[in-house]
Structure formats: structure tokens, C-alpha cells
Amino acid sequence: MATTLSPIQADELALEFNLFSANTQTTGMLDLADEEFVFLNTALVERPELNLIALIQQSLPDALAPYRKLEQRLILLFALGLCLSFGMAMFLGRSISRPVLSLVKRVNKIEQGDYSVSQSSKRNDEIGKLEVSVDTMATGLAEKEKVRDLLGKVVSKDIADELMSGQVKLGGETRIVTILFSDIRDFTTLCEGRAPEKILSLLNNYLTEVSAAIDQHHGVVDKYIGDAVMALFGAPIKSDSDTYNALCAALQINEKVISLNKINAEQNLPLLNTGIGLHTGQVVAGNLGSASRLNYTVIGDPVNLASRLESLTKTYGVNIIVSEETKNHGTGFIFRELDLVRVKGKAQPVRLYELIGFKDNVTAEIMDDVGRFEEMLFCYRKQEWQSALDIIETIQKGSAKVLYELFRERIKIYQKTPPEPDWDGVFTFQSK
């Protein structure tokens, strides 16, 4: 036996040699002196008297060296591919996330009311199309907001929202509302001898204050009629506090006119005197007009009555007159009954009340006047004329001087020409 192995390895191989057969060609692994070899066993001579076997071996590490190099190269190639893939993924992710995040910021600005047009990236992919769509949406919303803002200046914001909330149709629905009319007394006389620009500025300041009081108490300015204002409480938005809000708005209008008159006095401008009428009733609220031009408003007899009550404030010398229906729906206020009348055009009598103020703000002196005036009305309706006149003489001569004088003159007429025996205490107005 000849071998190229070391002596120790040769001895170990001799011990293992009987495992090999000359009849077969085999391959395998041997562990010789703690070193691994791969081998190939093949027969060179096969005779009865002689078997010559060749055993070709190679160190396993040497045999695997090329494969180890290949493995290292594959690992390196895989690592390079992974890094390249990660870099490409980061690049692609950022190329998508950046415009998406930009769109998110853009949409957030739109949500906050910023409709300024952004500069699109001019991409030709789906993101570019999305950017164009968002810009188109922003432009449309900006135009709609301009229309809403303009419409909100022409009509109340609540009415503008109602008109823009859906398809606008002619027609309406039945509502219980409180109607408020406010008007400047003797406005025609006030305009005489004054420049139109100054009158317009004065009127705009007044209407601004009145509208602010109405808006603050959840009312809706239905229309401006020259120096008059018509406001609604209960349409198009309804609440359980509509009448209360209307009464609060009327009192605040008075306060704002007082403050405005202080400014007018300092600027040598005319002082304003306002009359306010309120009535609560059932009306038809909706869009009135034609298919090409319409107006959200309310119609019905309560509207006319509210306007008549406002006109009567000058007759009775008070700032605010409310109907019995409004008085019955308002709590927390002090009212003074003024009269029981038939306004022109109405057969049923209407009980008139003056809105004096909140219960907590009315002085004991005013409450005493209110009580005495109620006593006077009691005697007046019983046709006890002299007793009624005596009570009038004892009432304070305050802001209600016109009211007291009105009844004094009326009683004197009745003393000369008494009413019918079945007179119900109703005074009938022959003019508006």
C-alpha cells in the first residue's frame, strides 16, 4: 500500500481500508487524525489473485474552498442587493410619501378655510392627478365660500346656510315664530337739510348695531326696509328660547341706541329714537318670489300685527310694544299692560304690553308706576273716569309722559261723550 498521507493518517486509513470494496465505486468522507477528507474509491485491477484499489482523497476544507468563496460572493451579492433594494424602497417611499404628506397638509388647510391654490408638482402619475383634483376642489370651495359670504351679507347667515344646504325650491312650511320690527322715528324729518353721505353713514352705524343685537340672540335679519329692520326668531332655525331671545334682542337694541346716541352727540349728529314691535304667531316660512329671483321670508297676519305694534310705539310714547302672545311666552321680564285695541284691518282686539326690562333690573320706583297704571286701567275700563284721572296725576312723570297724556286726553273725551253702555274697554284705531 502506498499513500500520500502522513504516517498517523496512513495508519488510521489502514484500519478503515477493509471498509472499501473493489467491486464498487464509492464516495464518502473520512475522519483521519481529526482531519476530514472526502474520498473516491475505485478498483484499478480486479483479478482473483489480485485486487488493486485506488483511494483518492482530498482535505474537506480544500475541497470546499471554491464553494466557500462562492458562498461569500453570494452573501456579498445578496447584501448589496438588499442594500440596493432598501435604498430604492426608501427613494420610492419618499417620492410617494412627500407628495402625499403635502396633500394631507393641503387638505388640512382647506379644512381650516385656507383655499389658496398650491403649486402642483406636474407629475403625470396618479398622485399628480390627485394633486390636480385637490386644487380643483379648493378652487370650487373658495368660489362657494365667496358666494356664501356674499349671500350672508345680503341675507342672514342662517338663511344663507339654509339656501345653500340643498336644492332651493319655492314654497314654505308652517312655523311658530316671533317677529321683531325696529324703526327709527321721524327719520324723514331727521334727513332734512343733511348730506346724503352723512345720513347713510348714520343709518349704517345704526343698522350695524341693531343687526349685531339680533345675531347675538340667535335671530335672523329678514330684510332692511329703509331705516326699518324685520327680524325673525324661530325661522329658519328653531329653538325653545325664540321668544326669550327676541325680547332680549329688543332690550339690547335699546341699549345700543343709547350708546350710539352718546357718540352722535359728541360728533354733532342727530339723536335716534327707535320703536320696536314684537308679536308671536303662526306664519308660513320659506322661499317667496319667482323661479329666477326669490327671498326667504315669512308671511302671515302675525307679520302685519308686529309691524302695527311697532307703529304704535310712537302713539303710546314707549320704546317696545309686545303682543299678549309674546308676553305669555316670555318669562323673566317685567311688562306693563298698555291698552286693549283694535288695529286697523283687524276685528279681534289685541292687548298691548310695554316691555320694561329684566325682573332683576327694574327698580322699585318703576314697579310702583306699573302697579298704579294697572289701577288706572281698571278704573278706566269700568268707566270711572275721575278715579282714573286722579291716579294718572299721582304717577311719576318719567319717560311715560306721552302714555299718561294719551289716556288723560282720551278720558276727557269720554267724559264729554261717553262710550256705549256695553263698551268692552277696547279702543279702535282708524288708521295704521
Protein backbone atom coordinates (compact mmCIF):
# COMPACT_ATOMS: atom_id res chain seq x y z
CA MET A 1 0.00 0.00 0.00
CA ALA A 2 1.25 3.37 -0.91
CA THR A 3 -0.18 6.63 0.33
CA THR A 4 0.47 10.36 0.35
CA LEU A 5 -0.96 10.73 3.84
CA SER A 6 1.00 11.30 6.97
CA PRO A 7 2.03 8.18 8.91
CA ILE A 8 -0.66 8.67 11.56
CA GLN A 9 -3.31 9.27 8.95
CA ALA A 10 -1.97 6.27 6.95
CA ASP A 11 -2.32 4.01 9.99
CA GLU A 12 -5.88 5.14 10.56
CA LEU A 13 -6.63 4.65 6.87
CA ALA A 14 -5.22 1.08 7.04
CA LEU A 15 -7.65 0.33 9.83
CA GLU A 16 -10.52 1.67 7.71
CA PHE A 17 -9.35 0.05 4.44
CA ASN A 18 -11.32 -3.11 4.86
CA LEU A 19 -14.46 -0.98 4.55
CA PHE A 20 -13.75 -0.38 0.90
CA SER A 21 -14.68 -2.84 -1.77
CA ALA A 22 -13.02 -3.40 -5.07
CA ASN A 23 -16.28 -4.30 -6.67
CA THR A 24 -17.92 -0.95 -6.30
CA GLN A 25 -17.03 2.65 -6.79
CA THR A 26 -17.96 4.72 -3.79
CA THR A 27 -17.52 8.21 -2.43
CA GLY A 28 -17.70 9.45 1.12
CA MET A 29 -15.96 11.17 3.95
CA LEU A 30 -13.21 10.02 6.31
CA ASP A 31 -12.04 11.45 9.58
CA LEU A 32 -8.29 10.80 9.82
CA ALA A 33 -6.30 12.24 12.71
CA ASP A 34 -9.01 14.85 13.38
CA GLU A 35 -8.93 15.98 9.78
CA GLU A 36 -11.84 15.48 7.44
CA PHE A 37 -11.31 14.13 3.94
CA VAL A 38 -13.54 13.39 1.02
CA PHE A 39 -12.62 10.30 -0.96
CA LEU A 40 -13.30 8.37 -4.12
CA ASN A 41 -12.87 4.59 -4.00
CA THR A 42 -12.34 2.87 -7.34
CA ALA A 43 -10.83 -0.51 -8.44
CA LEU A 44 -7.84 -0.43 -10.73
CA VAL A 45 -7.24 -4.23 -11.08
CA GLU A 46 -9.79 -6.87 -10.36
CA ARG A 47 -8.34 -10.42 -10.57
CA PRO A 48 -8.84 -13.49 -8.45
CA GLU A 49 -5.29 -13.35 -7.29
CA LEU A 50 -5.05 -9.55 -7.10
CA ASN A 51 -7.29 -6.62 -6.29
CA LEU A 52 -5.76 -3.20 -6.78
CA ILE A 53 -7.79 -0.36 -5.31
CA ALA A 54 -7.15 3.35 -5.66
CA LEU A 55 -8.42 5.64 -2.91
CA ILE A 56 -8.33 9.26 -3.94
CA GLN A 57 -8.83 11.69 -1.05
CA GLN A 58 -8.75 15.42 -0.57
CA SER A 59 -8.97 17.55 2.51
CA LEU A 60 -12.55 18.66 3.01
CA PRO A 61 -11.66 22.33 3.61
CA ASP A 62 -9.60 22.31 0.39
CA ALA A 63 -12.42 20.64 -1.47
CA LEU A 64 -14.96 23.16 -0.16
CA ALA A 65 -12.73 26.21 -0.64
CA PRO A 66 -14.18 27.15 -4.05
CA TYR A 67 -17.71 26.75 -2.69
CA ARG A 68 -16.84 28.86 0.35
CA LYS A 69 -15.64 31.58 -1.96
CA LEU A 70 -18.82 31.26 -3.99
CA GLU A 71 -20.86 31.37 -0.79
CA GLN A 72 -19.06 34.55 0.34
CA ARG A 73 -19.61 36.13 -3.03
CA LEU A 74 -23.29 35.18 -2.98
CA ILE A 75 -23.66 36.59 0.54
CA LEU A 76 -21.95 39.80 -0.55
CA LEU A 77 -24.10 39.97 -3.64
CA PHE A 78 -27.23 39.37 -1.54
CA ALA A 79 -26.18 42.07 0.93
CA LEU A 80 -25.53 44.51 -1.91
CA GLY A 81 -28.88 43.62 -3.44
CA LEU A 82 -30.62 44.06 -0.10
CA CYS A 83 -29.00 47.44 0.46
CA LEU A 84 -29.85 48.50 -3.05
CA SER A 85 -33.42 47.31 -2.63
CA PHE A 86 -33.72 49.14 0.69
CA GLY A 87 -32.34 52.30 -0.88
CA MET A 88 -34.73 52.01 -3.79
CA ALA A 89 -37.60 51.36 -1.41
CA MET A 90 -36.66 54.44 0.62
CA PHE A 91 -36.41 56.50 -2.53
CA LEU A 92 -39.73 55.26 -3.87
CA GLY A 93 -41.36 55.64 -0.43
CA ARG A 94 -40.22 59.20 -0.11
CA SER A 95 -41.18 60.00 -3.67
CA ILE A 96 -44.71 58.86 -2.76
CA SER A 97 -44.92 59.96 0.88
CA ARG A 98 -43.69 63.50 0.30
CA PRO A 99 -46.45 64.49 -2.14
CA VAL A 100 -48.98 62.55 -0.05
CA LEU A 101 -47.92 64.40 3.12
CA SER A 102 -48.05 67.63 1.16
CA LEU A 103 -51.58 66.76 0.09
CA VAL A 104 -52.51 65.99 3.70
CA LYS A 105 -51.26 69.42 4.80
CA ARG A 106 -53.12 70.98 1.89
CA VAL A 107 -56.37 69.26 2.84
CA ASN A 108 -55.91 70.33 6.47
CA LYS A 109 -55.53 73.94 5.33
CA ILE A 110 -58.66 73.58 3.23
CA GLU A 111 -60.48 72.22 6.27
CA GLN A 112 -59.40 75.34 8.18
CA GLY A 113 -60.68 77.61 5.41
CA ASP A 114 -57.41 78.29 3.56
CA TYR A 115 -58.28 77.77 -0.12
CA SER A 116 -55.10 79.28 -1.62
CA VAL A 117 -54.08 77.32 -4.72
CA SER A 118 -50.93 75.22 -4.24
CA GLN A 119 -48.23 74.70 -6.85
CA SER A 120 -48.73 71.23 -8.25
CA SER A 121 -45.66 69.06 -8.89
CA LYS A 122 -46.73 68.49 -12.52
CA ARG A 123 -46.44 64.73 -12.07
CA ASN A 124 -48.02 62.53 -14.70
CA ASP A 125 -48.90 59.69 -12.37
CA GLU A 126 -51.89 59.10 -10.11
CA ILE A 127 -50.51 61.41 -7.40
CA GLY A 128 -50.26 64.22 -9.94
CA LYS A 129 -53.87 63.65 -10.90
CA LEU A 130 -54.82 63.68 -7.20
CA GLU A 131 -52.99 66.99 -6.72
CA VAL A 132 -54.92 68.50 -9.61
CA SER A 133 -58.18 67.20 -8.15
CA VAL A 134 -57.42 68.70 -4.73
CA ASP A 135 -56.57 72.06 -6.33
CA THR A 136 -59.78 71.95 -8.34
CA MET A 137 -61.72 71.12 -5.18
CA ALA A 138 -60.07 74.02 -3.31
CA THR A 139 -60.91 76.42 -6.12
CA GLY A 140 -64.52 75.26 -6.08
CA LEU A 141 -64.77 75.58 -2.31
CA ALA A 142 -63.23 79.06 -2.47
CA GLU A 143 -65.84 80.12 -5.02
CA LYS A 144 -68.60 78.60 -2.92
CA GLU A 145 -67.29 80.38 0.18
CA LYS A 146 -67.30 83.68 -1.72
CA VAL A 147 -70.90 83.07 -2.70
CA ARG A 148 -71.80 82.11 0.88
CA ASP A 149 -70.02 85.19 2.23
CA LEU A 150 -71.72 87.46 -0.29
CA LEU A 151 -75.07 85.80 0.33
CA GLY A 152 -74.51 86.12 4.07
CA LYS A 153 -74.13 89.88 3.60
CA VAL A 154 -77.31 90.12 1.56
CA VAL A 155 -79.31 87.91 3.91
CA SER A 156 -78.70 86.40 7.33
CA LYS A 157 -76.01 83.72 7.65
CA ASP A 158 -78.62 81.19 8.84
CA ILE A 159 -80.76 81.90 5.78
CA ALA A 160 -77.70 81.66 3.54
CA ASP A 161 -76.87 78.25 5.03
CA GLU A 162 -80.49 77.18 4.58
CA LEU A 163 -80.49 78.22 0.93
CA MET A 164 -77.14 76.52 0.22
CA SER A 165 -77.89 73.33 2.14
CA GLY A 166 -79.85 71.77 -0.68
CA GLN A 167 -81.98 72.34 -3.71
CA VAL A 168 -83.73 75.71 -3.48
CA LYS A 169 -87.46 75.42 -4.06
CA LEU A 170 -90.34 77.82 -3.89
CA GLY A 171 -92.73 77.16 -1.03
CA GLY A 172 -92.64 77.04 2.72
CA GLU A 173 -93.72 75.42 5.94
CA THR A 174 -95.78 76.45 8.94
CA ARG A 175 -93.74 77.76 11.86
CA ILE A 176 -94.36 79.47 15.19
CA VAL A 177 -92.03 82.48 15.16
CA THR A 178 -91.55 85.76 16.96
CA ILE A 179 -91.31 88.70 14.57
CA LEU A 180 -89.44 91.86 15.54
CA PHE A 181 -89.83 95.18 13.75
CA SER A 182 -87.50 98.05 14.57
CA ASP A 183 -87.80 101.52 13.06
CA ILE A 184 -86.31 104.99 13.54
CA ARG A 185 -88.99 107.51 14.43
CA ASP A 186 -89.26 110.66 12.32
CA PHE A 187 -86.49 109.52 10.04
CA THR A 188 -87.73 111.68 7.18
CA THR A 189 -87.51 114.80 9.34
CA LEU A 190 -84.08 113.71 10.52
CA CYS A 191 -82.83 113.59 6.93
CA GLU A 192 -83.91 117.12 6.05
CA GLY A 193 -81.04 119.54 5.49
CA ARG A 194 -78.33 116.91 5.86
CA ALA A 195 -75.96 115.49 3.27
CA PRO A 196 -76.95 112.03 1.98
CA GLU A 197 -73.48 110.70 2.82
CA LYS A 198 -73.84 111.61 6.49
CA ILE A 199 -77.34 110.15 6.66
CA LEU A 200 -76.14 106.94 5.02
CA SER A 201 -73.22 106.66 7.45
CA LEU A 202 -75.53 107.31 10.40
CA LEU A 203 -78.02 104.74 9.15
CA ASN A 204 -75.33 102.12 8.51
CA ASN A 205 -73.97 102.55 12.04
CA TYR A 206 -77.47 102.14 13.44
CA LEU A 207 -78.28 99.06 11.33
CA THR A 208 -74.92 97.52 12.28
CA GLU A 209 -75.74 97.82 15.98
CA VAL A 210 -79.29 96.52 15.53
CA SER A 211 -78.14 93.57 13.43
CA ALA A 212 -75.43 92.71 15.98
CA ALA A 213 -78.02 92.57 18.78
CA ILE A 214 -80.26 90.32 16.68
CA ASP A 215 -77.41 88.00 15.70
CA GLN A 216 -76.13 87.80 19.26
CA HIS A 217 -79.51 86.45 20.40
CA HIS A 218 -79.82 83.90 17.57
CA GLY A 219 -82.23 85.92 15.49
CA VAL A 220 -82.25 86.33 11.73
CA VAL A 221 -82.43 89.65 9.90
CA ASP A 222 -85.11 89.02 7.31
CA LYS A 223 -84.80 92.33 5.50
CA TYR A 224 -83.93 96.00 5.78
CA ILE A 225 -86.78 98.31 4.77
CA GLY A 226 -85.12 101.69 4.58
CA ASP A 227 -84.43 102.56 8.21
CA ALA A 228 -86.60 99.67 9.44
CA VAL A 229 -85.44 96.15 10.29
CA MET A 230 -87.53 92.99 10.22
CA ALA A 231 -86.09 90.08 12.18
CA LEU A 232 -87.20 86.51 12.81
CA PHE A 233 -86.75 84.31 15.85
CA GLY A 234 -87.71 80.71 15.05
CA ALA A 235 -87.02 80.54 11.30
CA PRO A 236 -85.16 79.02 9.63
CA ILE A 237 -83.54 77.77 12.86
CA LYS A 238 -85.96 76.91 15.65
CA SER A 239 -85.30 76.63 19.39
CA ASP A 240 -87.22 76.58 22.65
CA SER A 241 -85.97 80.08 23.52
CA ASP A 242 -87.04 82.00 20.41
CA THR A 243 -89.39 84.43 22.19
CA TYR A 244 -86.98 84.92 25.08
CA ASN A 245 -84.19 85.66 22.61
CA ALA A 246 -86.39 88.15 20.75
CA LEU A 247 -87.21 90.03 23.97
CA CYS A 248 -83.52 90.09 24.93
CA ALA A 249 -82.62 91.41 21.49
CA ALA A 250 -85.23 94.19 21.77
CA LEU A 251 -83.80 95.34 25.11
CA GLN A 252 -80.26 95.23 23.75
CA ILE A 253 -81.26 97.28 20.71
CA ASN A 254 -82.45 99.97 23.10
CA GLU A 255 -79.13 99.86 24.95
CA LYS A 256 -77.16 100.05 21.72
CA VAL A 257 -79.19 103.05 20.53
CA ILE A 258 -78.43 104.83 23.81
CA SER A 259 -74.71 104.14 23.37
CA LEU A 260 -74.87 105.21 19.71
CA ASN A 261 -76.60 108.47 20.66
CA LYS A 262 -73.73 109.33 23.01
CA ILE A 263 -71.34 109.03 20.07
CA ASN A 264 -73.70 111.02 17.81
CA ALA A 265 -73.91 113.79 20.39
CA GLU A 266 -70.10 114.05 20.52
CA GLN A 267 -69.97 114.25 16.71
CA ASN A 268 -72.84 116.75 16.49
CA LEU A 269 -75.04 114.19 14.74
CA PRO A 270 -78.79 113.81 15.26
CA LEU A 271 -80.01 111.57 18.06
CA LEU A 272 -82.05 108.50 17.17
CA ASN A 273 -85.31 107.35 18.72
CA THR A 274 -86.33 103.78 17.99
CA GLY A 275 -89.63 101.98 18.16
CA ILE A 276 -89.79 98.18 18.39
CA GLY A 277 -92.77 95.87 17.98
CA LEU A 278 -92.87 92.12 18.68
CA HIS A 279 -95.54 89.53 18.06
CA THR A 280 -95.50 85.73 18.25
CA GLY A 281 -97.70 83.67 15.95
CA GLN A 282 -98.01 81.06 13.26
CA VAL A 283 -96.64 82.00 9.86
CA VAL A 284 -95.56 80.36 6.64
CA ALA A 285 -91.76 80.45 6.36
CA GLY A 286 -89.96 79.67 3.12
CA ASN A 287 -88.77 80.91 -0.24
CA LEU A 288 -91.06 83.50 -1.78
CA GLY A 289 -90.71 85.01 -5.25
CA SER A 290 -90.17 83.63 -8.72
CA ALA A 291 -88.11 80.82 -10.21
CA SER A 292 -85.34 83.29 -11.10
CA ARG A 293 -85.42 85.50 -8.02
CA LEU A 294 -86.56 84.58 -4.54
CA ASN A 295 -86.38 85.67 -0.93
CA TYR A 296 -86.51 83.61 2.24
CA THR A 297 -89.12 85.26 4.45
CA VAL A 298 -92.28 84.69 6.46
CA ILE A 299 -95.81 85.69 5.55
CA GLY A 300 -99.00 85.80 7.53
CA ASP A 301 -101.12 88.01 9.74
CA PRO A 302 -98.58 87.95 12.64
CA VAL A 303 -96.11 89.83 10.42
CA ASN A 304 -98.61 92.62 9.81
CA LEU A 305 -99.50 92.81 13.50
CA ALA A 306 -95.84 93.05 14.54
CA SER A 307 -95.44 95.96 12.13
CA ARG A 308 -98.55 97.69 13.54
CA LEU A 309 -97.24 97.28 17.09
CA GLU A 310 -94.01 98.98 16.10
CA SER A 311 -96.02 101.88 14.65
CA LEU A 312 -97.98 102.22 17.91
CA THR A 313 -94.82 102.82 19.96
CA LYS A 314 -94.92 106.46 18.86
CA THR A 315 -98.59 106.77 19.82
CA TYR A 316 -98.03 105.40 23.32
CA GLY A 317 -94.64 107.03 23.81
CA VAL A 318 -92.80 103.81 24.68
CA ASN A 319 -89.84 102.08 23.03
CA ILE A 320 -91.05 98.47 22.90
CA ILE A 321 -94.58 97.12 22.49
CA VAL A 322 -95.28 93.40 22.51
CA SER A 323 -98.47 91.45 21.97
CA GLU A 324 -100.11 89.30 24.62
CA GLU A 325 -98.91 86.16 22.80
CA THR A 326 -95.30 87.31 23.05
CA LYS A 327 -95.72 88.39 26.66
CA ASN A 328 -97.15 84.97 27.59
CA HIS A 329 -94.16 83.20 26.00
CA GLY A 330 -91.59 85.38 27.75
CA THR A 331 -90.51 84.72 31.32
CA GLY A 332 -88.11 86.69 33.45
CA PHE A 333 -89.28 90.12 32.21
CA ILE A 334 -91.41 92.97 33.54
CA PHE A 335 -94.28 94.11 31.33
CA ARG A 336 -96.77 96.93 31.69
CA GLU A 337 -100.18 96.50 30.12
CA LEU A 338 -100.83 99.50 27.90
CA ASP A 339 -104.20 99.07 26.29
CA LEU A 340 -106.73 96.80 24.59
CA VAL A 341 -107.13 97.93 20.99
CA ARG A 342 -108.33 97.04 17.55
CA VAL A 343 -105.71 97.93 15.00
CA LYS A 344 -106.87 98.92 11.55
CA GLY A 345 -107.72 95.87 9.46
CA LYS A 346 -108.28 93.50 12.41
CA ALA A 347 -111.60 92.64 14.03
CA GLN A 348 -110.20 90.90 17.13
CA PRO A 349 -108.86 93.16 19.89
CA VAL A 350 -105.18 92.99 20.76
CA ARG A 351 -103.82 93.52 24.27
CA LEU A 352 -100.71 95.65 24.23
CA TYR A 353 -97.82 95.45 26.67
CA GLU A 354 -94.72 97.54 27.14
CA LEU A 355 -91.51 95.57 27.66
CA ILE A 356 -89.79 97.38 30.53
CA GLY A 357 -86.82 95.15 31.31
CA PHE A 358 -85.50 92.12 33.13
CA LYS A 359 -87.04 91.43 36.52
CA ASP A 360 -83.72 91.81 38.31
CA ASN A 361 -83.01 95.21 36.71
CA VAL A 362 -86.31 97.04 37.25
CA THR A 363 -86.30 99.47 40.17
CA ALA A 364 -88.96 99.61 42.89
CA GLU A 365 -89.98 103.08 41.67
CA ILE A 366 -90.76 101.77 38.19
CA MET A 367 -92.62 98.80 39.65
CA ASP A 368 -94.73 101.25 41.67
CA ASP A 369 -95.59 103.16 38.48
CA VAL A 370 -96.54 99.88 36.77
CA GLY A 371 -98.87 98.97 39.63
CA ARG A 372 -100.52 102.40 39.65
CA PHE A 373 -101.02 102.30 35.90
CA GLU A 374 -102.76 98.92 36.22
CA GLU A 375 -105.10 100.52 38.80
CA MET A 376 -105.77 103.33 36.35
CA LEU A 377 -106.63 100.84 33.58
CA PHE A 378 -109.01 99.06 35.94
CA CYS A 379 -110.90 102.30 36.67
CA TYR A 380 -110.73 103.32 33.00
CA ARG A 381 -112.41 100.11 31.82
CA LYS A 382 -115.08 100.45 34.50
CA GLN A 383 -115.69 103.98 33.14
CA GLU A 384 -114.72 105.52 36.48
CA TRP A 385 -113.17 108.44 34.68
CA GLN A 386 -112.37 110.74 37.56
CA SER A 387 -110.73 107.97 39.58
CA ALA A 388 -108.60 107.11 36.56
CA LEU A 389 -107.57 110.77 36.17
CA ASP A 390 -106.67 111.03 39.84
CA ILE A 391 -104.38 108.01 39.57
CA ILE A 392 -102.68 109.47 36.49
CA GLU A 393 -101.87 112.63 38.46
CA THR A 394 -100.08 110.58 41.11
CA ILE A 395 -97.88 108.59 38.70
CA GLN A 396 -94.30 109.70 38.22
CA LYS A 397 -93.73 112.00 35.27
CA GLY A 398 -91.00 109.98 33.63
CA SER A 399 -90.39 108.51 30.22
CA ALA A 400 -94.07 107.50 30.03
CA LYS A 401 -95.28 111.10 29.95
CA VAL A 402 -96.76 110.59 26.46
CA LEU A 403 -98.61 107.48 27.68
CA TYR A 404 -100.17 109.29 30.64
CA GLU A 405 -101.12 112.26 28.50
CA LEU A 406 -102.71 109.94 25.92
CA PHE A 407 -105.08 108.47 28.50
CA ARG A 408 -105.75 111.84 30.08
CA GLU A 409 -106.94 113.24 26.75
CA ARG A 410 -108.89 110.09 25.93
CA ILE A 411 -110.67 110.12 29.33
CA LYS A 412 -111.62 113.77 28.90
CA ILE A 413 -113.24 112.91 25.56
CA TYR A 414 -115.12 110.01 27.16
CA GLN A 415 -116.30 112.31 29.95
CA LYS A 416 -117.92 114.54 27.35
CA THR A 417 -119.04 111.74 25.04
CA PRO A 418 -119.36 108.51 27.00
CA PRO A 419 -118.97 105.22 25.10
CA GLU A 420 -121.79 102.77 24.64
CA PRO A 421 -123.10 101.05 27.80
CA ASP A 422 -121.76 97.69 26.59
CA TRP A 423 -118.31 99.16 25.87
CA ASP A 424 -115.66 96.48 26.42
CA GLY A 425 -112.76 98.83 27.01
CA VAL A 426 -111.37 98.36 23.50
CA PHE A 427 -110.03 101.38 21.67
CA THR A 428 -110.30 101.16 17.87
CA PHE A 429 -107.67 102.80 15.69
CA GLN A 430 -108.94 104.20 12.43
CA SER A 431 -105.51 104.46 10.79
CA LYS A 432 -102.31 102.45 10.73
